[in-house]
Amino acid sequence: MKPLIGVLGRLATIDSGAFNGLERVNLTNAYVNAIEKAGGVPIVIPANTNKENIKAQVSAMDGIIISGGDDVNPNIYKEEPFKELGYVNPTLDAFDIEAIKVALELDKPIFGICRGLQMLNVALGGSLYQDLKYIKGSHIKHNQETKTYLGTHSIDIKENSILKDIIKGKVLVNSYHHQSIKTLGNNLRVIAYSNDGVIEAVQKEDKKFVVAVQWHPELMVDSCEYMLNLFKAFVDACN
């Protein structure tokens, strides 16, 4: 059977019509497309804070994807919010952290994307730069204004890493973030940087496949073989 891939859902507020003001489960269909192309069965896990339910949901999956989304609340890593901080949702933060905790306890493969990288890092005791302006020397545009499937800046992938085994050549990645990792979480290793020193990918050293990237590979799978191969490697690890 194909592996079941649980994608952590997001919340969006309906802003018009009869259900104005209500929250709905929200996720771009690009995750579904990427998982299906890589040979997995996508299952959206709705955001919630019921720990018993989260454990049951994650337990039923063969692996999970921590999807992109809103900024991470800095209160989690004991910082006050800076003025550049965007919208935060404590429900999503608590949901992600609990799902990560359960997945790690059950040794499920984890693939973090954009916010997913940041949440994995924070869940493991790390911290974030609340805005790239606080990284000395950061000058690359990390919030691109072009087609979502186009890579706009290069990354330096480290040797002897999961990512190097998958992406064997030079690659451009797309970029939609203004926060990034500051202090690394426990047992995480940096496996890719951008040329201005921003952390672009990490892996957990003591797990078979716990990998997170700062870009959005799900938006690139139809145009870049490397990004599809990244999803295939994750899905294969879930078998």
Foldseek 3Di string as FASTA:
>chain_A
DFFEEEEEWDWDAACDDPRHGDIDTDDDCLVVVLLVLLRHHYDYDYQAQDLVVLLVVLVRGLAYEHEDDADDDQVLLPDDDDPLHDDYDVSSLNRLLSNLVSCVVVQHAYEYEAVGVVSNFSSLNFGKDRFQVPPPQDDDDQQDDDQQQDFDFWKDFAPPDPLCVLDVDTDGFHGRDGMATDGGGPQKDQGMATPRGGGAKIARPPGPHHIYGNGDLSSHVVPDVSSSSVSNVSSVSSD
